[in-house]
Amino acid sequence: MLKRYVLPAAAVVALGFAVVQMTKAQQQSPPVAPPVEPAKSPYPKQLAGAGLVESETENIAVGSHVPGVVDCVLVKVGQTVRPGQPLFRLDERQLKAELESRLATLASAEASAEKLNMMPRPEEVPPAEAKLTEAKANLRDQVQVYERYRRLAGTSAISEEEVTRREMAVEVAKAQVAKAEADLALLKAGAWRSDKLVAAAAVRQAKAQADQTRVELDRLTARAPRLGESAAADDTEYHVLQVNVRPGEYVGTVPGSAMVVLGRVGRLHVRVDVDENDIARFHPSLSGTASPRGQAGQGYPVTFVRVEPYVIPKKSLTGGNTERVDTRVLQVIYAIEAKGKPLYVGQQMDVFLNSAGK
């Protein structure tokens, strides 16, 4: 009885359950609307590209000239700074002590040079003149003694040897007078010209070393750069976009490291990547609009600024099926007026150019 009715009934129930599950599995899920409407081109024929908002001067990454420990950070994010204004400073105690040492060396070299230039001292001349007068008096005395001895020569009162000795004493006195005259002339002539040149070179060397230390000391302070295009350009203020350094941190001179990022955001630019396959359809006269990611209904007109003629590998990939990893792009710079909702540096944009008729 059990095998005749219960087993067929269980088989029918299992078959029904399997049919229901297979039917549910084959049903298609309803389409899910995207959380944000993607941007759409307002032109029938368009040339599209991904853009990135940047400052008018491009984003200026300020680093450090020398490695060291940060002593203080002098700016904050959002602050405006003028060209040449300090941004942060490294520990400068060692170089300050070195500068004091080199300034002392400079002072010593200058004092030595001044001493040579002022020679002779007025106090040194009278003793030398007195010594010359003494030598002349001694010469006269020796001459008189020699004359007396010479008149008595040949007599028993004096020997020939004594006359010869007095004659030699006169010669010695003459030599002493000549020496005193030479010493006085040398004293009045002052320092030797070559000694003055050596002293002047020592002053210049000490001054150069002090200036070198001053330059190294100034390099410890990172400043906002000067563009140097014109006086008006250097009067324009920068905005501090990012600060990546804190007091007490050790910073190096690694290329590409940005301690502070600056830019002039009075007029923003958008850097558009034009695919290499679309370069032939691009022309600077094309008009266009840019929409921020996530704001499809917000369009900003763009104005052509320049083309960077070097085609580079594409860095920002969209994930499209037709997109290759080895794609290269031409970067085109457009000016964009941030009217209405504000735009921020680094924000991604969808840019569409009207290529109708091109």
Protein backbone atom coordinates (compact mmCIF):
# COMPACT_ATOMS: atom_id res chain seq x y z
CA MET A 1 0.00 0.00 0.00
CA LEU A 2 2.86 2.38 0.94
CA LYS A 3 4.80 1.68 -2.20
CA ARG A 4 1.70 1.96 -4.37
CA TYR A 5 0.52 5.47 -3.33
CA VAL A 6 3.11 7.31 -1.20
CA LEU A 7 6.16 6.94 -3.41
CA PRO A 8 4.43 8.17 -6.61
CA ALA A 9 3.02 11.12 -4.68
CA ALA A 10 6.49 12.08 -3.37
CA ALA A 11 7.86 11.87 -6.89
CA VAL A 12 5.14 14.19 -8.19
CA VAL A 13 5.87 16.74 -5.41
CA ALA A 14 9.63 16.66 -6.14
CA LEU A 15 8.97 17.13 -9.86
CA GLY A 16 6.76 20.15 -9.14
CA PHE A 17 9.38 21.69 -6.88
CA ALA A 18 12.07 21.21 -9.54
CA VAL A 19 9.86 22.84 -12.20
CA VAL A 20 9.21 25.86 -9.96
CA GLN A 21 12.90 26.32 -9.19
CA MET A 22 13.89 26.07 -12.86
CA THR A 23 11.28 28.62 -13.78
CA LYS A 24 12.57 31.10 -11.17
CA ALA A 25 16.15 30.58 -12.27
CA GLN A 26 15.31 31.43 -15.88
CA GLN A 27 13.55 34.69 -15.04
CA GLN A 28 15.52 37.83 -15.94
CA SER A 29 16.20 40.42 -13.25
CA PRO A 30 14.55 43.77 -13.87
CA PRO A 31 16.96 46.47 -15.14
CA VAL A 32 18.52 48.53 -12.36
CA ALA A 33 18.69 52.27 -12.89
CA PRO A 34 22.16 53.79 -12.32
CA PRO A 35 22.44 55.83 -9.13
CA VAL A 36 23.75 58.77 -11.16
CA GLU A 37 22.78 59.55 -14.73
CA PRO A 38 25.87 59.43 -16.97
CA ALA A 39 26.81 62.47 -18.99
CA LYS A 40 25.35 62.76 -22.50
CA SER A 41 26.69 64.73 -25.42
CA PRO A 42 24.54 67.71 -26.49
CA TYR A 43 25.93 67.47 -30.05
CA PRO A 44 24.86 65.10 -32.85
CA LYS A 45 28.52 64.56 -33.78
CA GLN A 46 30.95 64.87 -30.97
CA LEU A 47 34.52 64.23 -29.94
CA ALA A 48 34.62 63.09 -26.33
CA GLY A 49 37.42 63.01 -23.84
CA ALA A 50 38.08 62.67 -20.12
CA GLY A 51 39.24 65.87 -18.45
CA LEU A 52 40.86 66.83 -15.18
CA VAL A 53 40.45 70.24 -13.57
CA GLU A 54 43.70 72.02 -12.77
CA SER A 55 44.76 75.51 -11.79
CA GLU A 56 45.60 78.19 -14.32
CA THR A 57 49.31 77.83 -13.63
CA GLU A 58 49.01 74.03 -13.49
CA ASN A 59 49.50 72.40 -10.12
CA ILE A 60 52.86 73.52 -8.74
CA ALA A 61 54.41 70.91 -6.46
CA VAL A 62 56.84 72.70 -4.14
CA GLY A 63 59.59 70.54 -2.66
CA SER A 64 62.69 71.12 -0.58
CA HIS A 65 66.12 72.17 -1.88
CA VAL A 66 67.92 70.17 0.80
CA PRO A 67 66.97 67.31 3.12
CA GLY A 68 66.33 68.02 6.77
CA VAL A 69 63.84 68.14 9.63
CA VAL A 70 60.93 70.56 9.26
CA ASP A 71 61.06 73.29 11.88
CA CYS A 72 57.77 75.03 11.09
CA VAL A 73 55.04 75.14 8.46
CA LEU A 74 53.99 78.71 7.66
CA VAL A 75 50.87 78.15 5.49
CA LYS A 76 47.54 76.33 5.66
CA VAL A 77 45.31 74.76 3.01
CA GLY A 78 43.11 77.37 1.35
CA GLN A 79 45.39 80.26 2.25
CA THR A 80 46.57 82.69 -0.44
CA VAL A 81 50.28 83.43 -0.71
CA ARG A 82 52.31 85.83 -2.83
CA PRO A 83 55.35 84.85 -4.92
CA GLY A 84 58.41 84.59 -2.72
CA GLN A 85 56.41 84.14 0.50
CA PRO A 86 57.83 81.42 2.84
CA LEU A 87 55.89 78.15 2.94
CA PHE A 88 57.88 76.00 5.38
CA ARG A 89 61.34 76.08 6.94
CA LEU A 90 63.81 73.38 7.92
CA ASP A 91 65.95 73.33 11.07
CA GLU A 92 68.65 75.97 10.58
CA ARG A 93 70.63 75.87 13.84
CA GLN A 94 73.72 74.18 12.38
CA LEU A 95 74.01 76.61 9.46
CA LYS A 96 73.47 79.60 11.75
CA ALA A 97 76.41 78.48 13.90
CA GLU A 98 78.50 77.90 10.76
CA LEU A 99 77.62 81.39 9.54
CA GLU A 100 78.79 82.93 12.82
CA SER A 101 82.10 81.07 12.52
CA ARG A 102 82.64 82.23 8.94
CA LEU A 103 81.72 85.80 9.80
CA ALA A 104 84.39 85.72 12.51
CA THR A 105 86.91 84.42 9.96
CA LEU A 106 85.89 87.25 7.61
CA ALA A 107 86.35 89.83 10.35
CA SER A 108 89.82 88.45 11.10
CA ALA A 109 90.82 88.55 7.42
CA GLU A 110 89.52 92.12 7.05
CA ALA A 111 91.45 93.19 10.15
CA SER A 112 94.66 91.65 8.79
CA ALA A 113 94.17 93.39 5.43
CA GLU A 114 93.44 96.71 7.11
CA LYS A 115 96.57 96.33 9.25
CA LEU A 116 98.71 95.87 6.13
CA ASN A 117 97.06 98.80 4.35
CA MET A 118 97.65 101.15 7.31
CA MET A 119 101.34 100.32 7.76
CA PRO A 120 103.51 101.86 9.08
CA ARG A 121 102.11 102.72 12.45
CA PRO A 122 102.85 106.37 13.33
CA GLU A 123 104.35 105.21 16.63
CA GLU A 124 106.95 103.02 14.87
CA VAL A 125 108.61 105.81 12.82
CA PRO A 126 110.23 107.91 15.67
CA PRO A 127 112.16 104.93 17.16
CA ALA A 128 113.50 104.05 13.71
CA GLU A 129 114.52 107.66 13.07
CA ALA A 130 116.21 107.82 16.51
CA LYS A 131 118.11 104.62 15.73
CA LEU A 132 119.33 106.19 12.47
CA THR A 133 120.45 109.33 14.34
CA GLU A 134 122.29 107.16 16.86
CA ALA A 135 124.06 105.26 14.06
CA LYS A 136 125.16 108.52 12.40
CA ALA A 137 126.51 109.88 15.71
CA ASN A 138 128.41 106.68 16.28
CA LEU A 139 129.88 106.96 12.79
CA ARG A 140 131.11 110.51 13.45
CA ASP A 141 132.65 109.38 16.71
CA GLN A 142 134.43 106.45 15.07
CA VAL A 143 135.71 108.70 12.27
CA GLN A 144 137.20 111.17 14.77
CA VAL A 145 138.89 108.40 16.74
CA TYR A 146 140.26 106.90 13.56
CA GLU A 147 141.69 110.28 12.44
CA ARG A 148 143.56 110.71 15.74
CA TYR A 149 144.97 107.20 15.51
CA ARG A 150 145.98 107.69 11.89
CA ARG A 151 147.99 110.84 12.74
CA LEU A 152 149.88 108.90 15.40
CA ALA A 153 150.58 106.00 13.08
CA GLY A 154 154.29 105.24 12.65
CA THR A 155 155.20 106.40 16.15
CA SER A 156 155.82 104.43 19.27
CA ALA A 157 152.57 105.83 20.78
CA ILE A 158 150.32 103.48 18.81
CA SER A 159 150.69 100.31 16.84
CA GLU A 160 149.62 99.60 13.27
CA GLU A 161 147.20 96.98 14.55
CA GLU A 162 145.29 99.58 16.58
CA VAL A 163 145.05 101.88 13.55
CA THR A 164 143.65 99.02 11.48
CA ARG A 165 141.10 98.19 14.22
CA ARG A 166 139.86 101.79 14.29
CA GLU A 167 139.58 101.81 10.51
CA MET A 168 137.40 98.71 10.64
CA ALA A 169 135.28 100.31 13.37
CA VAL A 170 134.55 103.19 10.98
CA GLU A 171 133.42 100.70 8.32
CA VAL A 172 131.16 98.96 10.84
CA ALA A 173 129.64 102.31 11.82
CA LYS A 174 128.98 103.12 8.16
CA ALA A 175 127.24 99.76 7.71
CA GLN A 176 125.09 100.43 10.78
CA VAL A 177 124.07 103.78 9.33
CA ALA A 178 123.16 102.14 6.01
CA LYS A 179 121.14 99.48 7.83
CA ALA A 180 119.28 102.06 9.90
CA GLU A 181 118.49 104.07 6.77
CA ALA A 182 117.23 100.93 4.97
CA ASP A 183 115.09 99.89 7.97
CA LEU A 184 113.55 103.37 8.12
CA ALA A 185 112.85 103.38 4.38
CA LEU A 186 111.31 99.89 4.59
CA LEU A 187 109.12 100.97 7.51
CA LYS A 188 107.90 104.08 5.73
CA ALA A 189 107.19 102.11 2.53
CA GLY A 190 104.53 100.13 4.37
CA ALA A 191 103.45 96.56 3.62
CA TRP A 192 104.66 94.68 0.56
CA ARG A 193 102.23 94.78 -2.39
CA SER A 194 102.16 91.00 -2.67
CA ASP A 195 101.27 90.70 1.03
CA LYS A 196 98.38 93.11 0.44
CA LEU A 197 97.17 91.03 -2.51
CA VAL A 198 97.31 87.86 -0.40
CA ALA A 199 95.37 89.56 2.40
CA ALA A 200 92.75 90.89 -0.06
CA ALA A 201 92.34 87.40 -1.53
CA ALA A 202 91.85 86.00 1.98
CA VAL A 203 89.11 88.60 2.59
CA ARG A 204 87.35 87.67 -0.66
CA GLN A 205 87.58 83.98 0.16
CA ALA A 206 86.16 84.47 3.66
CA LYS A 207 83.38 86.68 2.26
CA ALA A 208 82.51 84.08 -0.39
CA GLN A 209 82.32 81.36 2.25
CA ALA A 210 80.03 83.51 4.39
CA ASP A 211 77.83 84.24 1.36
CA GLN A 212 77.73 80.54 0.56
CA THR A 213 76.48 79.78 4.06
CA ARG A 214 73.87 82.53 3.73
CA VAL A 215 72.64 80.93 0.50
CA GLU A 216 72.48 77.50 2.15
CA LEU A 217 70.63 79.07 5.06
CA ASP A 218 68.13 80.70 2.71
CA ARG A 219 67.60 77.39 0.90
CA LEU A 220 66.24 75.90 4.12
CA THR A 221 63.13 78.03 3.59
CA ALA A 222 60.81 76.85 0.79
CA ARG A 223 59.06 79.78 -0.88
CA ALA A 224 56.27 80.28 -3.37
CA PRO A 225 57.88 80.37 -6.83
CA ARG A 226 58.16 83.40 -9.09
CA LEU A 227 57.00 82.77 -12.64
CA GLY A 228 59.08 85.65 -13.97
CA GLU A 229 56.82 86.25 -16.98
CA SER A 230 56.13 89.86 -16.00
CA ALA A 231 55.81 92.10 -12.97
CA ALA A 232 52.03 91.68 -13.07
CA ALA A 233 52.37 87.88 -13.07
CA ASP A 234 54.47 87.99 -9.92
CA ASP A 235 51.85 90.15 -8.21
CA THR A 236 49.18 87.47 -8.60
CA GLU A 237 48.53 85.35 -5.54
CA TYR A 238 48.66 81.57 -5.31
CA HIS A 239 46.18 79.38 -3.48
CA VAL A 240 47.51 76.64 -1.22
CA LEU A 241 45.81 73.50 -2.55
CA GLN A 242 47.53 70.90 -0.40
CA VAL A 243 49.99 70.69 2.51
CA ASN A 244 51.74 67.34 2.93
CA VAL A 245 54.35 68.24 5.56
CA ARG A 246 54.24 68.71 9.32
CA PRO A 247 56.70 70.12 11.88
CA GLY A 248 59.17 67.48 13.05
CA GLU A 249 58.97 65.40 9.87
CA TYR A 250 62.11 64.56 7.91
CA VAL A 251 61.91 65.58 4.26
CA GLY A 252 64.23 64.62 1.44
CA THR A 253 64.88 65.72 -2.11
CA VAL A 254 63.11 62.81 -3.83
CA PRO A 255 61.94 63.89 -7.33
CA GLY A 256 58.17 64.22 -7.59
CA SER A 257 57.54 64.61 -3.87
CA ALA A 258 55.16 67.52 -3.24
CA MET A 259 55.41 69.07 0.21
CA VAL A 260 53.06 71.92 -0.72
CA VAL A 261 50.87 72.17 -3.83
CA LEU A 262 50.10 75.66 -5.15
CA GLY A 263 48.02 77.02 -7.99
CA ARG A 264 46.17 80.09 -9.21
CA VAL A 265 42.48 79.23 -9.26
CA GLY A 266 41.04 82.52 -10.43
CA ARG A 267 40.43 80.88 -13.81
CA LEU A 268 40.43 77.10 -13.85
CA HIS A 269 41.66 74.94 -16.69
CA VAL A 270 40.61 71.45 -17.69
CA ARG A 271 43.18 69.09 -19.21
CA VAL A 272 41.39 66.89 -21.77
CA ASP A 273 42.78 63.56 -23.01
CA VAL A 274 41.96 63.17 -26.71
CA ASP A 275 42.37 59.57 -27.85
CA GLU A 276 44.98 59.03 -30.56
CA ASN A 277 42.26 57.62 -32.81
CA ASP A 278 40.39 60.94 -32.59
CA ILE A 279 43.37 63.27 -33.14
CA ALA A 280 42.59 63.58 -36.85
CA ARG A 281 39.10 64.93 -36.03
CA PHE A 282 40.34 67.45 -33.48
CA HIS A 283 40.69 71.15 -34.29
CA PRO A 284 41.38 74.06 -31.92
CA SER A 285 38.28 75.89 -33.18
CA LEU A 286 35.90 73.21 -31.88
CA SER A 287 33.46 74.47 -29.28
CA GLY A 288 32.48 72.28 -26.40
CA THR A 289 31.13 71.78 -22.91
CA ALA A 290 32.33 69.96 -19.81
CA SER A 291 30.24 68.21 -17.19
CA PRO A 292 31.50 67.13 -13.77
CA ARG A 293 31.26 63.44 -12.94
CA GLY A 294 27.94 62.84 -11.22
CA GLN A 295 26.37 66.07 -12.52
CA ALA A 296 25.19 65.19 -16.01
CA GLY A 297 22.81 68.12 -16.17
CA GLN A 298 25.47 70.69 -15.28
CA GLY A 299 27.43 71.84 -18.33
CA TYR A 300 30.23 74.40 -18.43
CA PRO A 301 31.36 76.00 -21.69
CA VAL A 302 35.05 75.61 -22.40
CA THR A 303 37.46 77.87 -24.30
CA PHE A 304 40.52 76.57 -26.11
CA VAL A 305 43.85 77.61 -24.55
CA ARG A 306 46.60 75.45 -26.04
CA VAL A 307 47.65 72.02 -27.19
CA GLU A 308 50.54 70.14 -25.65
CA PRO A 309 51.97 68.57 -28.81
CA TYR A 310 53.62 65.62 -27.10
CA VAL A 311 51.37 62.54 -27.24
CA ILE A 312 51.70 60.58 -23.99
CA PRO A 313 50.46 57.21 -22.72
CA LYS A 314 46.99 57.33 -21.26
CA LYS A 315 47.02 57.27 -17.47
CA SER A 316 43.30 57.42 -16.66
CA LEU A 317 41.52 54.30 -17.93
CA THR A 318 37.71 54.19 -18.16
CA GLY A 319 37.32 50.41 -18.42
CA GLY A 320 35.59 50.45 -21.80
CA ASN A 321 35.60 47.31 -23.96
CA THR A 322 37.31 49.10 -26.85
CA GLU A 323 39.94 50.74 -24.68
CA ARG A 324 43.49 49.43 -24.95
CA VAL A 325 46.10 49.64 -22.23
CA ASP A 326 48.65 50.97 -24.73
CA THR A 327 46.41 53.86 -25.80
CA ARG A 328 48.13 57.22 -26.19
CA VAL A 329 46.40 60.57 -25.87
CA LEU A 330 46.88 64.17 -26.96
CA GLN A 331 46.41 66.58 -24.06
CA VAL A 332 44.43 69.73 -24.84
CA ILE A 333 44.02 72.55 -22.33
CA TYR A 334 40.71 74.43 -22.12
CA ALA A 335 39.69 77.28 -19.85
CA ILE A 336 36.47 76.73 -17.95
CA GLU A 337 34.34 79.28 -16.16
CA ALA A 338 33.14 77.88 -12.84
CA LYS A 339 29.71 79.50 -12.69
CA GLY A 340 27.01 78.19 -10.40
CA LYS A 341 28.29 75.26 -8.38
CA PRO A 342 32.02 75.49 -7.64
CA LEU A 343 34.61 73.27 -9.26
CA TYR A 344 37.64 71.89 -7.47
CA VAL A 345 41.15 71.25 -8.68
CA GLY A 346 41.58 67.55 -9.43
CA GLN A 347 37.89 66.99 -10.23
CA GLN A 348 37.15 64.73 -13.21
CA MET A 349 35.11 66.09 -16.13
CA ASP A 350 33.37 64.60 -19.16
CA VAL A 351 34.22 66.86 -22.09
CA PHE A 352 32.31 66.87 -25.38
CA LEU A 353 33.48 68.83 -28.43
CA ASN A 354 31.16 69.69 -31.33
CA SER A 355 32.80 68.04 -34.34
CA ALA A 356 29.88 68.60 -36.76
CA GLY A 357 31.19 69.84 -40.11
CA LYS A 358 34.80 68.95 -39.29
